[in-house]
Protein backbone atom coordinates (compact mmCIF):
# COMPACT_ATOMS: atom_id res chain seq x y z
CA MET A 1 0.00 0.00 0.00
CA SER A 2 1.36 3.40 -0.98
CA THR A 3 2.34 5.78 1.82
CA LEU A 4 2.14 8.87 -0.42
CA TYR A 5 -0.59 11.41 0.26
CA ILE A 6 -1.44 14.82 -1.13
CA GLY A 7 -2.81 17.45 1.22
CA LEU A 8 -4.61 20.55 -0.08
CA MET A 9 -5.50 23.67 1.87
CA SER A 10 -7.20 26.88 0.79
CA GLY A 11 -7.68 29.12 3.77
CA THR A 12 -9.38 32.29 4.92
CA SER A 13 -6.93 34.48 3.04
CA LEU A 14 -8.49 33.30 -0.24
CA ASP A 15 -5.27 33.61 -2.22
CA GLY A 16 -5.11 30.09 -3.65
CA VAL A 17 -4.34 26.47 -2.89
CA ASP A 18 -1.31 25.19 -1.00
CA GLY A 19 -0.53 21.56 -1.73
CA VAL A 20 2.03 19.10 -0.42
CA LEU A 21 3.12 15.63 -1.42
CA ALA A 22 3.90 13.72 1.77
CA ASP A 23 5.21 10.32 2.71
CA ILE A 24 3.36 9.30 5.88
CA SER A 25 4.19 6.00 7.50
CA ALA A 26 5.21 4.49 10.80
CA ALA A 27 8.67 5.91 10.14
CA GLY A 28 7.36 9.47 10.27
CA ILE A 29 6.08 12.34 8.14
CA GLN A 30 8.20 13.60 5.26
CA THR A 31 7.37 16.36 2.78
CA LEU A 32 8.52 15.39 -0.70
CA ALA A 33 7.21 18.30 -2.76
CA ALA A 34 5.01 21.40 -2.52
CA ALA A 35 2.97 23.47 -4.93
CA PHE A 36 0.84 26.61 -4.92
CA THR A 37 -1.98 27.27 -7.38
CA PRO A 38 -3.48 30.78 -7.23
CA PHE A 39 -7.20 31.36 -7.54
CA PRO A 40 -8.44 33.00 -10.72
CA GLU A 41 -9.61 36.46 -9.72
CA ALA A 42 -13.23 35.73 -10.64
CA LEU A 43 -13.28 32.64 -8.41
CA ARG A 44 -11.64 34.50 -5.55
CA ALA A 45 -14.21 37.29 -5.82
CA GLU A 46 -17.09 34.79 -5.85
CA LEU A 47 -15.76 32.87 -2.84
CA LEU A 48 -15.39 36.15 -0.99
CA ALA A 49 -18.94 37.20 -1.91
CA LEU A 50 -20.29 33.85 -0.68
CA GLN A 51 -18.93 34.57 2.81
CA ALA A 52 -22.13 36.54 3.42
CA PRO A 53 -25.78 35.94 2.39
CA THR A 54 -26.17 36.68 -1.30
CA PRO A 55 -28.90 36.22 -3.97
CA ASN A 56 -29.09 32.79 -5.62
CA GLU A 57 -26.35 31.57 -3.34
CA ILE A 58 -27.16 27.84 -3.60
CA GLU A 59 -26.51 27.79 -7.33
CA ARG A 60 -23.59 30.19 -7.04
CA GLU A 61 -21.96 28.08 -4.35
CA ALA A 62 -22.35 24.92 -6.44
CA LEU A 63 -20.72 26.56 -9.44
CA ALA A 64 -17.94 27.98 -7.26
CA ALA A 65 -17.37 24.49 -5.83
CA ASN A 66 -16.90 23.17 -9.36
CA GLY A 67 -14.40 25.91 -10.14
CA LEU A 68 -12.61 25.25 -6.88
CA ALA A 69 -12.35 21.52 -7.63
CA ARG A 70 -10.68 22.33 -10.95
CA VAL A 71 -8.09 24.52 -9.21
CA TYR A 72 -7.50 21.71 -6.72
CA ALA A 73 -7.05 19.31 -9.63
CA ASP A 74 -4.42 21.57 -11.20
CA CYS A 75 -2.49 21.59 -7.92
CA VAL A 76 -2.78 17.80 -7.64
CA ARG A 77 -1.45 17.29 -11.16
CA SER A 78 1.64 19.36 -10.43
CA LEU A 79 2.34 17.22 -7.36
CA VAL A 80 1.62 13.90 -9.06
CA ALA A 81 4.25 14.82 -11.65
CA GLN A 82 6.82 14.92 -8.84
CA ALA A 83 5.70 11.74 -7.05
CA PRO A 84 8.04 8.74 -6.91
CA GLY A 85 5.09 6.33 -6.82
CA PRO A 86 1.29 6.03 -6.71
CA ILE A 87 -0.73 8.38 -4.51
CA ARG A 88 -2.86 6.69 -1.85
CA ALA A 89 -5.28 9.62 -1.49
CA VAL A 90 -5.82 13.34 -1.85
CA ALA A 91 -7.02 15.00 1.37
CA VAL A 92 -8.71 18.35 0.86
CA HIS A 93 -10.14 20.82 3.34
CA GLY A 94 -12.45 22.79 1.04
CA GLN A 95 -13.09 26.53 1.31
CA THR A 96 -14.88 27.64 4.45
CA ILE A 97 -17.74 30.03 3.64
CA ARG A 98 -19.72 29.66 6.87
CA HIS A 99 -18.56 28.55 10.29
CA ARG A 100 -21.33 28.50 12.88
CA PRO A 101 -20.66 25.64 15.29
CA GLU A 102 -22.88 27.33 17.86
CA LEU A 103 -25.73 26.59 15.42
CA GLY A 104 -24.47 23.07 14.75
CA PHE A 105 -22.91 23.50 11.31
CA THR A 106 -19.82 24.45 9.39
CA ARG A 107 -19.74 24.75 5.61
CA GLN A 108 -16.71 24.06 3.44
CA THR A 109 -17.46 24.60 -0.23
CA ASN A 110 -16.03 21.79 -2.32
CA ASN A 111 -16.89 19.18 -4.93
CA PRO A 112 -14.75 16.21 -3.93
CA ALA A 113 -16.64 13.91 -6.31
CA LEU A 114 -15.55 16.08 -9.23
CA LEU A 115 -11.99 16.20 -7.89
CA ALA A 116 -11.90 12.38 -7.72
CA GLU A 117 -13.23 12.24 -11.28
CA LEU A 118 -10.64 14.71 -12.56
CA CYS A 119 -7.65 13.16 -10.77
CA ARG A 120 -8.64 9.46 -10.64
CA ILE A 121 -7.31 9.29 -7.09
CA ASP A 122 -9.28 8.59 -3.89
CA VAL A 123 -10.31 11.86 -2.23
CA VAL A 124 -10.92 12.36 1.49
CA ALA A 125 -12.86 15.52 2.37
CA ASP A 126 -15.36 17.04 4.83
CA PHE A 127 -13.13 16.84 7.88
CA ARG A 128 -14.93 19.27 10.19
CA ALA A 129 -18.55 18.07 10.11
CA ARG A 130 -18.19 15.00 12.36
CA ASP A 131 -16.48 16.97 15.12
CA VAL A 132 -19.32 19.54 15.02
CA ALA A 133 -21.87 16.69 15.09
CA ALA A 134 -20.17 15.47 18.26
CA GLY A 135 -20.65 18.86 19.89
CA GLY A 136 -17.27 20.29 18.94
CA GLN A 137 -16.19 23.47 17.22
CA GLY A 138 -14.86 21.59 14.19
CA ALA A 139 -11.83 23.86 14.46
CA PRO A 140 -9.01 24.21 14.82
CA LEU A 141 -8.12 20.72 13.60
CA VAL A 142 -4.38 21.28 13.24
CA PRO A 143 -3.41 20.97 16.96
CA ALA A 144 -3.60 17.17 16.84
CA PHE A 145 -1.22 17.23 13.87
CA HIS A 146 1.03 19.78 15.55
CA GLN A 147 1.22 17.41 18.51
CA ALA A 148 2.16 14.50 16.25
CA LEU A 149 4.88 16.39 14.39
CA PHE A 150 6.21 19.14 16.66
CA TRP A 151 5.82 18.04 20.28
CA HIS A 152 9.11 17.98 22.16
CA ALA A 153 9.53 16.30 25.55
CA GLY A 154 10.53 18.67 28.29
CA GLU A 155 9.60 21.91 26.48
CA GLU A 156 6.32 23.81 26.43
CA ARG A 157 5.97 25.33 22.99
CA VAL A 158 3.25 27.05 21.03
CA LEU A 159 2.53 26.55 17.34
CA LEU A 160 0.92 29.68 15.93
CA ASN A 161 -0.81 29.56 12.57
CA VAL A 162 -1.49 33.00 11.08
CA GLY A 163 -3.70 32.65 8.04
CA GLY A 164 -6.79 34.78 7.65
CA ILE A 165 -7.65 33.70 11.20
CA ALA A 166 -4.97 32.98 13.81
CA ASN A 167 -4.95 29.86 15.97
CA ILE A 168 -2.58 28.44 18.53
CA SER A 169 -1.66 24.92 19.56
CA ILE A 170 -0.22 24.69 23.04
CA LEU A 171 2.05 21.66 23.25
CA ARG A 172 2.72 21.08 26.92
CA ALA A 173 5.89 19.35 28.04
CA ASP A 174 3.82 16.53 29.62
CA GLY A 175 2.17 15.68 26.28
CA GLN A 176 -1.13 17.53 26.71
CA VAL A 177 -2.34 19.63 23.78
CA LEU A 178 -4.69 22.60 23.85
CA GLY A 179 -5.66 24.97 21.08
CA PHE A 180 -8.19 27.46 19.75
CA ASP A 181 -8.66 30.36 17.35
CA THR A 182 -7.28 33.52 18.93
CA GLY A 183 -9.02 35.88 16.50
CA PRO A 184 -8.06 37.66 13.30
CA GLY A 185 -4.76 36.80 11.66
CA ASN A 186 -4.36 38.50 8.30
CA VAL A 187 -8.01 38.90 7.34
CA LEU A 188 -8.47 42.50 8.50
CA MET A 189 -5.01 43.59 7.38
CA ASP A 190 -5.64 42.11 3.93
CA GLY A 191 -9.00 43.83 3.64
CA TRP A 192 -7.58 47.17 4.73
CA ILE A 193 -4.68 47.22 2.29
CA ALA A 194 -6.94 46.01 -0.52
CA ARG A 195 -9.25 48.95 0.15
CA HIS A 196 -6.52 51.59 0.28
CA GLN A 197 -3.79 50.31 -2.02
CA GLY A 198 -5.39 47.59 -4.13
CA ALA A 199 -2.82 45.06 -2.90
CA PRO A 200 -3.77 41.55 -1.74
CA PHE A 201 -1.63 41.72 1.43
CA ASP A 202 0.95 43.86 3.23
CA ARG A 203 4.14 42.27 1.92
CA ASP A 204 6.74 41.97 4.70
CA GLY A 205 4.52 44.21 6.85
CA ALA A 206 6.06 47.16 5.03
CA TRP A 207 3.01 49.45 5.16
CA ALA A 208 2.31 48.66 8.81
CA ALA A 209 5.93 49.55 9.60
CA THR A 210 5.31 53.12 8.36
CA GLY A 211 2.41 53.69 10.76
CA GLN A 212 2.06 54.20 14.49
CA VAL A 213 -0.04 51.92 16.66
CA GLN A 214 -2.99 53.84 18.11
CA PRO A 215 -3.44 52.62 21.71
CA ALA A 216 -7.05 53.77 22.10
CA LEU A 217 -8.09 52.11 18.85
CA LEU A 218 -6.21 48.95 19.76
CA GLN A 219 -8.01 48.72 23.08
CA ARG A 220 -11.35 49.23 21.36
CA LEU A 221 -10.59 46.43 18.89
CA LEU A 222 -9.56 44.18 21.77
CA SER A 223 -12.88 44.88 23.51
CA GLU A 224 -14.60 42.49 21.06
CA PRO A 225 -16.27 39.88 23.33
CA TYR A 226 -14.81 36.97 21.35
CA PHE A 227 -11.37 37.63 22.79
CA ALA A 228 -12.66 37.11 26.35
CA GLN A 229 -14.56 33.91 25.58
CA PRO A 230 -13.11 30.76 27.13
CA ALA A 231 -11.90 27.92 24.95
CA PRO A 232 -12.94 25.80 23.15
CA LYS A 233 -13.75 28.45 20.58
CA SER A 234 -13.32 29.13 16.88
CA THR A 235 -14.12 32.00 14.57
CA GLY A 236 -13.87 33.22 11.00
CA ARG A 237 -15.09 35.80 8.52
CA ASP A 238 -18.56 35.40 10.02
CA LEU A 239 -17.33 37.74 12.78
CA PHE A 240 -14.13 39.42 11.67
CA HIS A 241 -14.92 41.22 8.43
CA MET A 242 -14.67 44.75 7.06
CA ASP A 243 -18.09 45.81 8.34
CA TRP A 244 -16.92 44.85 11.85
CA LEU A 245 -13.81 46.96 11.35
CA ASP A 246 -15.76 49.92 9.97
CA ALA A 247 -18.02 49.87 13.04
CA MET A 248 -14.93 50.00 15.25
CA LEU A 249 -13.37 52.80 13.18
CA ALA A 250 -16.50 54.91 13.54
CA HIS A 251 -15.07 55.81 16.96
CA ALA A 252 -11.73 56.88 15.41
CA PRO A 253 -12.72 59.32 12.65
CA GLY A 254 -9.89 60.63 10.53
CA ALA A 255 -7.45 57.89 11.55
CA ASP A 256 -4.46 57.73 9.23
CA PRO A 257 -4.70 54.57 7.07
CA ALA A 258 -1.08 53.59 7.79
CA ASP A 259 -1.74 53.95 11.52
CA VAL A 260 -4.81 51.74 11.18
CA MET A 261 -2.69 49.10 9.41
CA ALA A 262 -0.12 49.23 12.19
CA THR A 263 -2.91 48.89 14.77
CA LEU A 264 -4.50 45.94 12.96
CA THR A 265 -1.11 44.22 12.94
CA ALA A 266 -0.82 44.94 16.66
CA LEU A 267 -4.34 43.53 17.18
CA THR A 268 -3.23 40.16 15.84
CA ALA A 269 0.00 40.26 17.88
CA HIS A 270 -1.62 41.36 21.14
CA SER A 271 -4.59 39.00 20.98
CA VAL A 272 -2.22 36.08 20.37
CA ALA A 273 0.21 37.20 23.08
CA ARG A 274 -2.54 37.64 25.65
CA ASP A 275 -3.77 34.10 25.08
CA ILE A 276 -0.26 32.68 25.24
CA ARG A 277 0.44 34.46 28.52
CA GLN A 278 -2.84 33.21 30.00
CA GLN A 279 -2.91 29.66 28.66
CA ALA A 280 0.77 28.80 28.24
CA PRO A 281 2.59 30.60 31.07
CA HIS A 282 5.58 28.25 30.79
CA CYS A 283 5.96 28.65 27.04
CA GLU A 284 9.60 28.68 25.94
CA ALA A 285 9.16 29.22 22.19
CA VAL A 286 6.52 30.21 19.64
CA TYR A 287 6.83 28.73 16.16
CA VAL A 288 4.82 30.50 13.47
CA CYS A 289 3.35 29.10 10.25
CA GLY A 290 0.95 30.41 7.63
CA GLY A 291 1.32 33.61 5.66
CA GLY A 292 1.87 35.67 8.80
CA ALA A 293 5.20 33.90 9.35
CA TYR A 294 6.55 36.01 6.46
CA ASN A 295 5.58 39.32 8.10
CA PRO A 296 8.55 40.55 10.16
CA THR A 297 6.57 43.54 11.45
CA LEU A 298 3.96 41.20 12.92
CA LEU A 299 6.57 38.86 14.40
CA GLY A 300 8.41 41.81 15.96
CA MET A 301 5.20 43.09 17.52
CA LEU A 302 4.42 39.61 18.83
CA GLU A 303 7.85 39.22 20.39
CA GLN A 304 7.48 42.63 22.02
CA ALA A 305 3.96 41.84 23.26
CA LEU A 306 5.37 38.67 24.86
CA GLY A 307 7.86 40.79 26.78
CA GLY A 308 10.89 39.78 24.75
CA GLN A 309 11.34 36.69 26.92
CA ILE A 310 10.01 34.04 24.54
CA ARG A 311 11.67 32.98 21.33
CA VAL A 312 9.58 33.66 18.20
CA ALA A 313 10.59 31.85 15.02
CA SER A 314 8.97 30.31 11.97
CA THR A 315 8.39 26.57 11.69
CA ALA A 316 11.34 26.51 9.29
CA ALA A 317 13.39 26.24 12.48
CA LEU A 318 11.63 22.89 13.03
CA GLY A 319 12.25 21.72 9.48
CA VAL A 320 8.89 22.57 7.86
CA ALA A 321 8.33 25.65 5.69
CA PRO A 322 5.57 27.87 7.14
CA ASN A 323 3.46 27.74 3.99
CA ARG A 324 3.39 23.93 3.99
CA VAL A 325 2.21 23.14 7.51
CA GLU A 326 -1.57 23.30 7.03
CA ALA A 327 -1.61 21.35 3.78
CA LEU A 328 0.62 18.77 5.44
CA ALA A 329 -1.85 18.62 8.33
CA PHE A 330 -4.66 17.64 5.99
CA ALA A 331 -2.51 15.00 4.31
CA TRP A 332 -2.02 13.58 7.83
CA LEU A 333 -5.76 13.78 8.53
CA GLY A 334 -6.43 11.90 5.29
CA GLN A 335 -4.01 9.18 6.33
CA ARG A 336 -5.70 8.99 9.75
CA PHE A 337 -9.12 8.57 8.12
CA LEU A 338 -7.98 5.73 5.89
CA ALA A 339 -6.29 4.05 8.85
CA ARG A 340 -9.57 4.36 10.80
CA LEU A 341 -7.91 6.51 13.44
CA PRO A 342 -9.43 9.61 15.09
CA GLY A 343 -8.22 12.95 13.81
CA ASN A 344 -9.60 15.42 16.33
CA ALA A 345 -8.34 16.50 19.73
CA PRO A 346 -11.46 16.72 21.95
CA ALA A 347 -9.64 18.90 24.48
CA VAL A 348 -9.20 21.43 21.68
CA THR A 349 -12.53 21.35 19.86
CA GLY A 350 -14.82 20.41 22.74
CA ALA A 351 -16.20 17.35 20.95
CA ALA A 352 -17.70 14.55 23.05
CA GLY A 353 -14.71 12.34 22.26
CA PRO A 354 -12.26 11.20 19.59
CA ARG A 355 -13.89 10.92 16.18
CA LEU A 356 -12.97 9.62 12.75
CA LEU A 357 -12.94 12.73 10.53
CA GLY A 358 -13.68 12.80 6.83
CA ALA A 359 -15.62 11.18 4.04
CA LEU A 360 -14.29 9.09 1.15
CA TYR A 361 -14.89 9.78 -2.54
CA PRO A 362 -13.33 6.82 -4.37
CA ALA A 363 -11.41 7.29 -7.62
């Protein structure tokens, strides 16, 4: 039986698909190749529009799912071309357009049947629904994977993923794992720079570095009740979107756009740092993955918010490129499903117990 898996992840940032080719066996987890396939602009715009109620959304979502499956298939083909043998399965997260676990559902747009048809490889998808059915948040799912790959005996460390939304995995020295969404990662920063400069993201945090953090505005942003909620908890664009930001900015008329960008960067840093201080008081190092790992302004603010006493580095220091971690996590979840092993961490999601996550779409 082949030990090669492909993991695909398209996250809240809506920039495209990250894919990895991984060898997963009893000997460990090894990344053999990686690929990135950007979204066509029309698909990106439609997926963004579907984040909120919209006319004819059932048909529009179905058509977007078909387009998404074709982008996934392009990414798969580029990885298959680099594979040294047959692929056991493709594991794909889908594109989250609604996340309302408090109402008993989460919705990841996808057409895994079409993906299986296009690639002629078994596809494992729909990873979050079973955890939600068991009373969990369905997110974050990566802490169990972080535990499997990055736990180190004798050291309490935090894995921080900064995509559109930020989440932390607390890997305690005794083997316990905790985790939750801390709040916005890049989603507000991306929306702000798109509005003012037409850019998809603040490359290297360069624009934020030209502004000054506004303490009063930062405190107002941090007053959002989500930040004070106890874990388990998860969030998404359902809460943190540009209308939310505009309502907050109504109390800061005339704020300089560069200062707002600096303050939004500080919001991500401070909300993460506050949770680390409260939930991981013995943390010795924070390892960052996702797009935010490439933002030195954000990482500098995080290190400062942590008091300069905790090492902050990207997961490259642990041997995995930051932009590969989440896709690799879903390859691992696909392998767990096919091995009939649970993929969730109930202490993280709040589910009633360990559950087998996913659904199979045979080639």
